[in-house]
Amino acid sequence: MTDRPTVHKSDVVQGFAALGLREGDAMLFHSSLRSFGTVEGGADTVIDGAVEAVGESGTVVVPTFVQKVNGESATYRRRFEAWDVDGSPSDVGHITEVLRRRPEAVRSDHCCDSLAAIGADAEAAMGGHKHAGPRYSPWDGKAFGHGSPWDWLVERNALYLLMGVGFNVCSIFHYNQALWVERSYASTGDPRMWPNFNFSVMGERVKSAGLVSQVCVGPSVWQAFRVVPTLEHVSRVLDEEPSLITLSLLKLYGE
């Protein structure tokens, strides 16, 4: 068996550059540290590379979602009751937990769909969750609500990166679902249906539209896209092909 090479910070920075990340950019990434094999310096190297790539005027964001309480899957209500913005650990990868715990990181205040950020706009971007306006979802009206960090990512047309993971974890598609409910509510006055669709299949649609860039950093496959054109494309696909959607009752919230 051939040993996989060690990934260094310079490799990480070069990977970001190859995807078109610019100084001053906003970026969110989902991640798998295991996908790299061996990284010199571990999770901190990946985070440092991201921060270097966006520069002092940019902002790096990661999901710090909470899906469990005391190691067990939990309802929205249970997560809401147990939520501690400073102490609740991220359930979505080691890199996200390392970033969350950094002293310079700012975490948004949401019991299920929090994000954490480092950089120039971290405070402004993450502060929106606490007072976000309603946009219905299974995780309450604030999760992807008006003024939330997700809105901020759209306003900045952030680079959205899947770092060694697939489109099945592409949470910005939940934003598309919430937009669909919002449009439906505007026409029917009924927010109770949630449009499920296959995220992996939709990812292939986004790739076929030429919206995704891909590079490899060591053995880790990175797929990235800009938020605004991708959201617009997904919304158009859902409108034109309603057969892709399976409707389920939207339980408010998560019971």
C-alpha atoms as a PDB file:
ATOM      1  CA  MET A   1       0.000   0.000   0.000  1.00  0.00           C
ATOM      2  CA  THR A   2       1.316   3.433  -0.998  1.00  0.00           C
ATOM      3  CA  ASP A   3       1.336   5.989   1.785  1.00  0.00           C
ATOM      4  CA  ARG A   4      -0.637   9.113   1.004  1.00  0.00           C
ATOM      5  CA  PRO A   5       1.396  12.317   1.109  1.00  0.00           C
ATOM      6  CA  THR A   6       1.145  14.718   4.017  1.00  0.00           C
ATOM      7  CA  VAL A   7      -0.942  17.830   3.297  1.00  0.00           C
ATOM      8  CA  HIS A   8       0.632  21.146   4.334  1.00  0.00           C
ATOM      9  CA  LYS A   9      -0.847  24.610   4.804  1.00  0.00           C
ATOM     10  CA  SER A  10       0.602  25.742   1.479  1.00  0.00           C
ATOM     11  CA  ASP A  11      -1.378  22.975  -0.244  1.00  0.00           C
ATOM     12  CA  VAL A  12      -4.560  24.161   1.458  1.00  0.00           C
ATOM     13  CA  VAL A  13      -3.973  27.804   0.457  1.00  0.00           C
ATOM     14  CA  GLN A  14      -3.257  26.776  -3.140  1.00  0.00           C
ATOM     15  CA  GLY A  15      -6.482  24.775  -3.189  1.00  0.00           C
ATOM     16  CA  PHE A  16      -8.500  27.803  -2.170  1.00  0.00           C
ATOM     17  CA  ALA A  17      -6.794  29.936  -4.811  1.00  0.00           C
ATOM     18  CA  ALA A  18      -7.574  27.340  -7.490  1.00  0.00           C
ATOM     19  CA  LEU A  19     -11.281  27.597  -6.603  1.00  0.00           C
ATOM     20  CA  GLY A  20     -11.270  31.361  -7.126  1.00  0.00           C
ATOM     21  CA  LEU A  21     -11.299  32.395  -3.479  1.00  0.00           C
ATOM     22  CA  ARG A  22     -10.213  36.002  -3.263  1.00  0.00           C
ATOM     23  CA  GLU A  23      -8.941  38.291  -0.538  1.00  0.00           C
ATOM     24  CA  GLY A  24     -11.931  39.863   1.158  1.00  0.00           C
ATOM     25  CA  ASP A  25     -14.223  36.973   0.244  1.00  0.00           C
ATOM     26  CA  ALA A  26     -16.804  35.290   2.415  1.00  0.00           C
ATOM     27  CA  MET A  27     -16.645  31.511   2.450  1.00  0.00           C
ATOM     28  CA  LEU A  28     -18.514  28.694   4.154  1.00  0.00           C
ATOM     29  CA  PHE A  29     -17.134  25.169   4.103  1.00  0.00           C
ATOM     30  CA  HIS A  30     -18.395  21.760   5.156  1.00  0.00           C
ATOM     31  CA  SER A  31     -15.481  19.453   5.837  1.00  0.00           C
ATOM     32  CA  SER A  32     -14.025  16.050   6.562  1.00  0.00           C
ATOM     33  CA  LEU A  33     -10.575  16.093   8.122  1.00  0.00           C
ATOM     34  CA  ARG A  34     -10.306  12.368   7.439  1.00  0.00           C
ATOM     35  CA  SER A  35     -10.582  13.014   3.687  1.00  0.00           C
ATOM     36  CA  PHE A  36      -7.098  14.579   3.736  1.00  0.00           C
ATOM     37  CA  GLY A  37      -5.337  11.549   5.158  1.00  0.00           C
ATOM     38  CA  THR A  38      -2.487  13.219   7.058  1.00  0.00           C
ATOM     39  CA  VAL A  39      -2.490  16.983   7.596  1.00  0.00           C
ATOM     40  CA  GLU A  40       0.546  18.599   9.190  1.00  0.00           C
ATOM     41  CA  GLY A  41      -0.958  20.459  12.148  1.00  0.00           C
ATOM     42  CA  GLY A  42      -4.387  18.850  11.788  1.00  0.00           C
ATOM     43  CA  ALA A  43      -7.602  20.864  11.781  1.00  0.00           C
ATOM     44  CA  ASP A  44      -5.845  24.109  12.710  1.00  0.00           C
ATOM     45  CA  THR A  45      -3.820  23.954   9.500  1.00  0.00           C
ATOM     46  CA  VAL A  46      -7.001  23.818   7.405  1.00  0.00           C
ATOM     47  CA  ILE A  47      -8.527  26.715   9.339  1.00  0.00           C
ATOM     48  CA  ASP A  48      -5.336  28.786   9.149  1.00  0.00           C
ATOM     49  CA  GLY A  49      -5.159  28.181   5.405  1.00  0.00           C
ATOM     50  CA  ALA A  50      -8.724  29.380   4.969  1.00  0.00           C
ATOM     51  CA  VAL A  51      -8.134  32.502   7.057  1.00  0.00           C
ATOM     52  CA  GLU A  52      -4.964  33.281   5.109  1.00  0.00           C
ATOM     53  CA  ALA A  53      -6.753  32.813   1.797  1.00  0.00           C
ATOM     54  CA  VAL A  54      -9.499  35.360   2.536  1.00  0.00           C
ATOM     55  CA  GLY A  55      -7.108  37.822   4.163  1.00  0.00           C
ATOM     56  CA  GLU A  56      -7.786  40.338   6.900  1.00  0.00           C
ATOM     57  CA  SER A  57     -10.871  41.715   5.126  1.00  0.00           C
ATOM     58  CA  GLY A  58     -12.477  38.310   4.524  1.00  0.00           C
ATOM     59  CA  THR A  59     -14.581  35.984   6.649  1.00  0.00           C
ATOM     60  CA  VAL A  60     -14.494  32.199   7.065  1.00  0.00           C
ATOM     61  CA  VAL A  61     -17.683  30.452   8.185  1.00  0.00           C
ATOM     62  CA  VAL A  62     -18.395  26.853   9.172  1.00  0.00           C
ATOM     63  CA  PRO A  63     -21.555  25.071  10.302  1.00  0.00           C
ATOM     64  CA  THR A  64     -21.628  24.200  13.988  1.00  0.00           C
ATOM     65  CA  PHE A  65     -24.940  22.377  13.958  1.00  0.00           C
ATOM     66  CA  VAL A  66     -26.276  20.609  17.023  1.00  0.00           C
ATOM     67  CA  GLN A  67     -28.128  17.390  16.249  1.00  0.00           C
ATOM     68  CA  LYS A  68     -27.611  15.513  19.514  1.00  0.00           C
ATOM     69  CA  VAL A  69     -27.934  16.069  23.238  1.00  0.00           C
ATOM     70  CA  ASN A  70     -25.724  13.969  25.503  1.00  0.00           C
ATOM     71  CA  GLY A  71     -24.680  11.898  22.502  1.00  0.00           C
ATOM     72  CA  GLU A  72     -28.219  10.998  21.422  1.00  0.00           C
ATOM     73  CA  SER A  73     -30.304  12.369  18.543  1.00  0.00           C
ATOM     74  CA  ALA A  74     -32.738  14.933  19.901  1.00  0.00           C
ATOM     75  CA  THR A  75     -35.879  16.773  18.870  1.00  0.00           C
ATOM     76  CA  TYR A  76     -35.878  20.488  18.260  1.00  0.00           C
ATOM     77  CA  ARG A  77     -37.485  21.012  21.653  1.00  0.00           C
ATOM     78  CA  ARG A  78     -34.808  19.032  23.473  1.00  0.00           C
ATOM     79  CA  ARG A  79     -32.032  20.843  21.648  1.00  0.00           C
ATOM     80  CA  PHE A  80     -33.655  24.194  22.413  1.00  0.00           C
ATOM     81  CA  GLU A  81     -33.787  23.347  26.118  1.00  0.00           C
ATOM     82  CA  ALA A  82     -30.163  22.155  26.225  1.00  0.00           C
ATOM     83  CA  TRP A  83     -28.689  24.873  23.991  1.00  0.00           C
ATOM     84  CA  ASP A  84     -25.616  26.769  25.173  1.00  0.00           C
ATOM     85  CA  VAL A  85     -24.123  29.030  22.516  1.00  0.00           C
ATOM     86  CA  ASP A  86     -20.706  28.837  24.173  1.00  0.00           C
ATOM     87  CA  GLY A  87     -20.701  25.203  25.202  1.00  0.00           C
ATOM     88  CA  SER A  88     -22.858  23.065  22.922  1.00  0.00           C
ATOM     89  CA  PRO A  89     -20.431  21.112  20.707  1.00  0.00           C
ATOM     90  CA  SER A  90     -20.696  21.024  16.925  1.00  0.00           C
ATOM     91  CA  ASP A  91     -21.883  17.678  15.573  1.00  0.00           C
ATOM     92  CA  VAL A  92     -20.702  18.229  11.999  1.00  0.00           C
ATOM     93  CA  GLY A  93     -17.009  17.486  11.936  1.00  0.00           C
ATOM     94  CA  HIS A  94     -13.823  17.960  13.910  1.00  0.00           C
ATOM     95  CA  ILE A  95     -12.672  21.016  11.948  1.00  0.00           C
ATOM     96  CA  THR A  96     -15.891  22.856  12.777  1.00  0.00           C
ATOM     97  CA  GLU A  97     -15.529  22.123  16.485  1.00  0.00           C
ATOM     98  CA  VAL A  98     -11.901  23.289  16.496  1.00  0.00           C
ATOM     99  CA  LEU A  99     -12.863  26.546  14.793  1.00  0.00           C
ATOM    100  CA  ARG A 100     -15.815  27.074  17.148  1.00  0.00           C
ATOM    101  CA  ARG A 101     -13.546  26.816  20.178  1.00  0.00           C
ATOM    102  CA  ARG A 102     -10.993  29.358  18.944  1.00  0.00           C
ATOM    103  CA  PRO A 103     -11.006  32.559  21.001  1.00  0.00           C
ATOM    104  CA  GLU A 104     -11.408  34.740  17.907  1.00  0.00           C
ATOM    105  CA  ALA A 105     -14.435  32.784  16.632  1.00  0.00           C
ATOM    106  CA  VAL A 106     -17.986  34.139  16.859  1.00  0.00           C
ATOM    107  CA  ARG A 107     -20.876  31.671  16.947  1.00  0.00           C
ATOM    108  CA  SER A 108     -24.439  32.430  15.945  1.00  0.00           C
ATOM    109  CA  ASP A 109     -27.213  31.874  18.480  1.00  0.00           C
ATOM    110  CA  HIS A 110     -29.399  29.055  17.164  1.00  0.00           C
ATOM    111  CA  CYS A 111     -30.028  25.758  18.920  1.00  0.00           C
ATOM    112  CA  CYS A 112     -29.936  23.621  15.762  1.00  0.00           C
ATOM    113  CA  ASP A 113     -28.431  25.512  12.810  1.00  0.00           C
ATOM    114  CA  SER A 114     -25.717  27.686  14.305  1.00  0.00           C
ATOM    115  CA  LEU A 115     -22.683  28.796  12.340  1.00  0.00           C
ATOM    116  CA  ALA A 116     -19.321  30.060  13.548  1.00  0.00           C
ATOM    117  CA  ALA A 117     -17.069  32.576  11.853  1.00  0.00           C
ATOM    118  CA  ILE A 118     -13.609  34.093  11.984  1.00  0.00           C
ATOM    119  CA  GLY A 119     -12.748  37.298  10.190  1.00  0.00           C
ATOM    120  CA  ALA A 120     -13.638  40.891   9.485  1.00  0.00           C
ATOM    121  CA  ASP A 121     -17.418  40.457   9.418  1.00  0.00           C
ATOM    122  CA  ALA A 122     -17.753  37.630  11.921  1.00  0.00           C
ATOM    123  CA  GLU A 123     -19.646  39.653  14.518  1.00  0.00           C
ATOM    124  CA  ALA A 124     -22.029  41.238  12.035  1.00  0.00           C
ATOM    125  CA  ALA A 125     -22.667  38.009  10.156  1.00  0.00           C
ATOM    126  CA  MET A 126     -23.223  35.758  13.145  1.00  0.00           C
ATOM    127  CA  GLY A 127     -25.269  38.256  15.146  1.00  0.00           C
ATOM    128  CA  GLY A 128     -28.244  37.934  12.841  1.00  0.00           C
ATOM    129  CA  HIS A 129     -29.511  34.590  14.078  1.00  0.00           C
ATOM    130  CA  LYS A 130     -30.750  35.857  17.405  1.00  0.00           C
ATOM    131  CA  HIS A 131     -33.228  38.281  15.866  1.00  0.00           C
ATOM    132  CA  ALA A 132     -33.820  36.731  12.428  1.00  0.00           C
ATOM    133  CA  GLY A 133     -37.268  37.227  10.927  1.00  0.00           C
ATOM    134  CA  PRO A 134     -39.545  34.261  10.230  1.00  0.00           C
ATOM    135  CA  ARG A 135     -38.943  31.976   7.274  1.00  0.00           C
ATOM    136  CA  TYR A 136     -40.559  28.649   8.089  1.00  0.00           C
ATOM    137  CA  SER A 137     -38.498  25.472   8.455  1.00  0.00           C
ATOM    138  CA  PRO A 138     -38.483  22.335  10.637  1.00  0.00           C
ATOM    139  CA  TRP A 139     -35.917  24.100  12.850  1.00  0.00           C
ATOM    140  CA  ASP A 140     -38.084  27.194  13.532  1.00  0.00           C
ATOM    141  CA  GLY A 141     -38.498  30.479  11.721  1.00  0.00           C
ATOM    142  CA  LYS A 142     -35.062  31.832  12.620  1.00  0.00           C
ATOM    143  CA  ALA A 143     -32.891  28.979  11.318  1.00  0.00           C
ATOM    144  CA  PHE A 144     -32.826  30.235   7.722  1.00  0.00           C
ATOM    145  CA  GLY A 145     -34.770  33.398   8.479  1.00  0.00           C
ATOM    146  CA  HIS A 146     -34.575  36.943   7.204  1.00  0.00           C
ATOM    147  CA  GLY A 147     -31.457  38.589   8.565  1.00  0.00           C
ATOM    148  CA  SER A 148     -29.895  35.257   9.549  1.00  0.00           C
ATOM    149  CA  PRO A 149     -26.274  34.375   8.763  1.00  0.00           C
ATOM    150  CA  TRP A 150     -27.614  32.461   5.752  1.00  0.00           C
ATOM    151  CA  ASP A 151     -29.037  35.698   4.372  1.00  0.00           C
ATOM    152  CA  TRP A 152     -25.648  37.298   4.942  1.00  0.00           C
ATOM    153  CA  LEU A 153     -23.938  34.553   2.927  1.00  0.00           C
ATOM    154  CA  VAL A 154     -26.347  35.247   0.070  1.00  0.00           C
ATOM    155  CA  GLU A 155     -25.787  39.006   0.269  1.00  0.00           C
ATOM    156  CA  ARG A 156     -22.036  38.390  -0.003  1.00  0.00           C
ATOM    157  CA  ASN A 157     -22.425  35.766  -2.760  1.00  0.00           C
ATOM    158  CA  ALA A 158     -20.144  33.612  -0.635  1.00  0.00           C
ATOM    159  CA  LEU A 159     -18.030  30.772  -1.931  1.00  0.00           C
ATOM    160  CA  TYR A 160     -19.628  27.558  -0.659  1.00  0.00           C
ATOM    161  CA  LEU A 161     -17.236  24.642  -0.367  1.00  0.00           C
ATOM    162  CA  LEU A 162     -17.730  20.923   0.157  1.00  0.00           C
ATOM    163  CA  MET A 163     -14.327  19.874   1.451  1.00  0.00           C
ATOM    164  CA  GLY A 164     -14.033  16.109   1.137  1.00  0.00           C
ATOM    165  CA  VAL A 165     -17.791  15.634   1.582  1.00  0.00           C
ATOM    166  CA  GLY A 166     -20.692  15.275  -0.845  1.00  0.00           C
ATOM    167  CA  PHE A 167     -23.742  17.308  -1.774  1.00  0.00           C
ATOM    168  CA  ASN A 168     -25.793  15.195   0.633  1.00  0.00           C
ATOM    169  CA  VAL A 169     -24.582  17.568   3.398  1.00  0.00           C
ATOM    170  CA  CYS A 170     -25.070  20.762   1.374  1.00  0.00           C
ATOM    171  CA  SER A 171     -27.082  22.754   3.901  1.00  0.00           C
ATOM    172  CA  ILE A 172     -27.622  25.751   1.644  1.00  0.00           C
ATOM    173  CA  PHE A 173     -30.207  23.533  -0.068  1.00  0.00           C
ATOM    174  CA  HIS A 174     -32.243  23.827   3.146  1.00  0.00           C
ATOM    175  CA  TYR A 175     -32.302  27.553   2.413  1.00  0.00           C
ATOM    176  CA  ASN A 176     -33.813  26.670  -0.980  1.00  0.00           C
ATOM    177  CA  GLN A 177     -36.446  24.597   0.799  1.00  0.00           C
ATOM    178  CA  ALA A 178     -37.258  27.491   3.118  1.00  0.00           C
ATOM    179  CA  LEU A 179     -37.551  29.834   0.119  1.00  0.00           C
ATOM    180  CA  TRP A 180     -39.950  27.370  -1.522  1.00  0.00           C
ATOM    181  CA  VAL A 181     -42.143  27.390   1.613  1.00  0.00           C
ATOM    182  CA  GLU A 182     -42.011  31.183   1.662  1.00  0.00           C
ATOM    183  CA  ARG A 183     -43.173  31.383  -1.959  1.00  0.00           C
ATOM    184  CA  SER A 184     -45.882  28.815  -1.303  1.00  0.00           C
ATOM    185  CA  TYR A 185     -47.056  30.684   1.780  1.00  0.00           C
ATOM    186  CA  ALA A 186     -47.303  33.905  -0.220  1.00  0.00           C
ATOM    187  CA  SER A 187     -49.751  32.261  -2.636  1.00  0.00           C
ATOM    188  CA  THR A 188     -51.699  29.938  -0.309  1.00  0.00           C
ATOM    189  CA  GLY A 189     -51.287  31.320   3.206  1.00  0.00           C
ATOM    190  CA  ASP A 190     -50.356  27.809   4.370  1.00  0.00           C
ATOM    191  CA  PRO A 191     -46.743  27.152   5.486  1.00  0.00           C
ATOM    192  CA  ARG A 192     -47.294  23.567   6.592  1.00  0.00           C
ATOM    193  CA  MET A 193     -45.700  21.623   3.713  1.00  0.00           C
ATOM    194  CA  TRP A 194     -41.943  21.029   3.454  1.00  0.00           C
ATOM    195  CA  PRO A 195     -40.406  20.225   0.030  1.00  0.00           C
ATOM    196  CA  ASN A 196     -38.004  17.298   0.386  1.00  0.00           C
ATOM    197  CA  PHE A 197     -35.651  16.560  -2.497  1.00  0.00           C
ATOM    198  CA  ASN A 198     -32.537  14.487  -2.999  1.00  0.00           C
ATOM    199  CA  PHE A 199     -29.545  16.730  -2.291  1.00  0.00           C
ATOM    200  CA  SER A 200     -27.105  14.449  -4.116  1.00  0.00           C
ATOM    201  CA  VAL A 201     -29.255  14.432  -7.252  1.00  0.00           C
ATOM    202  CA  MET A 202     -29.609  18.211  -7.063  1.00  0.00           C
ATOM    203  CA  GLY A 203     -25.847  18.488  -6.701  1.00  0.00           C
ATOM    204  CA  GLU A 204     -25.456  16.695 -10.009  1.00  0.00           C
ATOM    205  CA  ARG A 205     -27.865  19.191 -11.567  1.00  0.00           C
ATOM    206  CA  VAL A 206     -25.792  22.065 -10.231  1.00  0.00           C
ATOM    207  CA  LYS A 207     -22.611  20.474 -11.570  1.00  0.00           C
ATOM    208  CA  SER A 208     -24.210  19.864 -14.992  1.00  0.00           C
ATOM    209  CA  ALA A 209     -25.077  23.558 -15.136  1.00  0.00           C
ATOM    210  CA  GLY A 210     -21.370  24.385 -14.914  1.00  0.00           C
ATOM    211  CA  LEU A 211     -21.661  26.081 -11.534  1.00  0.00           C
ATOM    212  CA  VAL A 212     -19.203  23.902  -9.615  1.00  0.00           C
ATOM    213  CA  SER A 213     -15.405  24.084  -9.549  1.00  0.00           C
ATOM    214  CA  GLN A 214     -13.401  21.114  -8.325  1.00  0.00           C
ATOM    215  CA  VAL A 215      -9.830  20.626  -7.114  1.00  0.00           C
ATOM    216  CA  CYS A 216      -7.997  17.993  -5.104  1.00  0.00           C
ATOM    217  CA  VAL A 217      -5.893  18.873  -2.076  1.00  0.00           C
ATOM    218  CA  GLY A 218      -3.982  15.706  -1.410  1.00  0.00           C
ATOM    219  CA  PRO A 219      -6.653  13.007  -1.570  1.00  0.00           C
ATOM    220  CA  SER A 220      -9.413  15.392  -0.445  1.00  0.00           C
ATOM    221  CA  VAL A 221     -11.825  16.326  -3.249  1.00  0.00           C
ATOM    222  CA  TRP A 222     -13.134  19.884  -2.978  1.00  0.00           C
ATOM    223  CA  GLN A 223     -16.274  21.065  -4.797  1.00  0.00           C
ATOM    224  CA  ALA A 224     -17.208  24.737  -4.653  1.00  0.00           C
ATOM    225  CA  PHE A 225     -19.777  27.134  -6.044  1.00  0.00           C
ATOM    226  CA  ARG A 226     -20.977  30.685  -5.571  1.00  0.00           C
ATOM    227  CA  VAL A 227     -24.144  30.917  -3.535  1.00  0.00           C
ATOM    228  CA  VAL A 228     -26.336  33.276  -5.573  1.00  0.00           C
ATOM    229  CA  PRO A 229     -26.307  31.603  -9.013  1.00  0.00           C
ATOM    230  CA  THR A 230     -26.618  28.188  -7.394  1.00  0.00           C
ATOM    231  CA  LEU A 231     -29.640  29.145  -5.292  1.00  0.00           C
ATOM    232  CA  GLU A 232     -31.266  30.665  -8.361  1.00  0.00           C
ATOM    233  CA  HIS A 233     -30.601  27.521 -10.400  1.00  0.00           C
ATOM    234  CA  VAL A 234     -31.962  25.172  -7.728  1.00  0.00           C
ATOM    235  CA  SER A 235     -35.112  27.260  -7.277  1.00  0.00           C
ATOM    236  CA  ARG A 236     -35.658  27.216 -11.043  1.00  0.00           C
ATOM    237  CA  VAL A 237     -35.190  23.436 -11.198  1.00  0.00           C
ATOM    238  CA  LEU A 238     -37.677  22.903  -8.369  1.00  0.00           C
ATOM    239  CA  ASP A 239     -40.232  25.167 -10.052  1.00  0.00           C
ATOM    240  CA  GLU A 240     -39.812  23.524 -13.463  1.00  0.00           C
ATOM    241  CA  GLU A 241     -39.644  19.939 -12.205  1.00  0.00           C
ATOM    242  CA  PRO A 242     -42.003  19.561  -9.240  1.00  0.00           C
ATOM    243  CA  SER A 243     -41.715  15.781  -9.584  1.00  0.00           C
ATOM    244  CA  LEU A 244     -38.336  16.107  -7.824  1.00  0.00           C
ATOM    245  CA  ILE A 245     -40.152  17.224  -4.674  1.00  0.00           C
ATOM    246  CA  THR A 246     -41.758  14.987  -2.094  1.00  0.00           C
ATOM    247  CA  LEU A 247     -43.963  17.006   0.220  1.00  0.00           C
ATOM    248  CA  SER A 248     -44.154  16.243   3.917  1.00  0.00           C
ATOM    249  CA  LEU A 249     -46.000  17.878   6.766  1.00  0.00           C
ATOM    250  CA  LEU A 250     -43.934  20.655   8.297  1.00  0.00           C
ATOM    251  CA  LYS A 251     -44.158  20.175  12.042  1.00  0.00           C
ATOM    252  CA  LEU A 252     -43.540  23.421  13.840  1.00  0.00           C
ATOM    253  CA  TYR A 253     -41.035  22.887  15.260  1.00  0.00           C
ATOM    254  CA  GLY A 254     -39.372  19.516  15.045  1.00  0.00           C
ATOM    255  CA  GLU A 255     -41.506  17.544  17.486  1.00  0.00           C
END
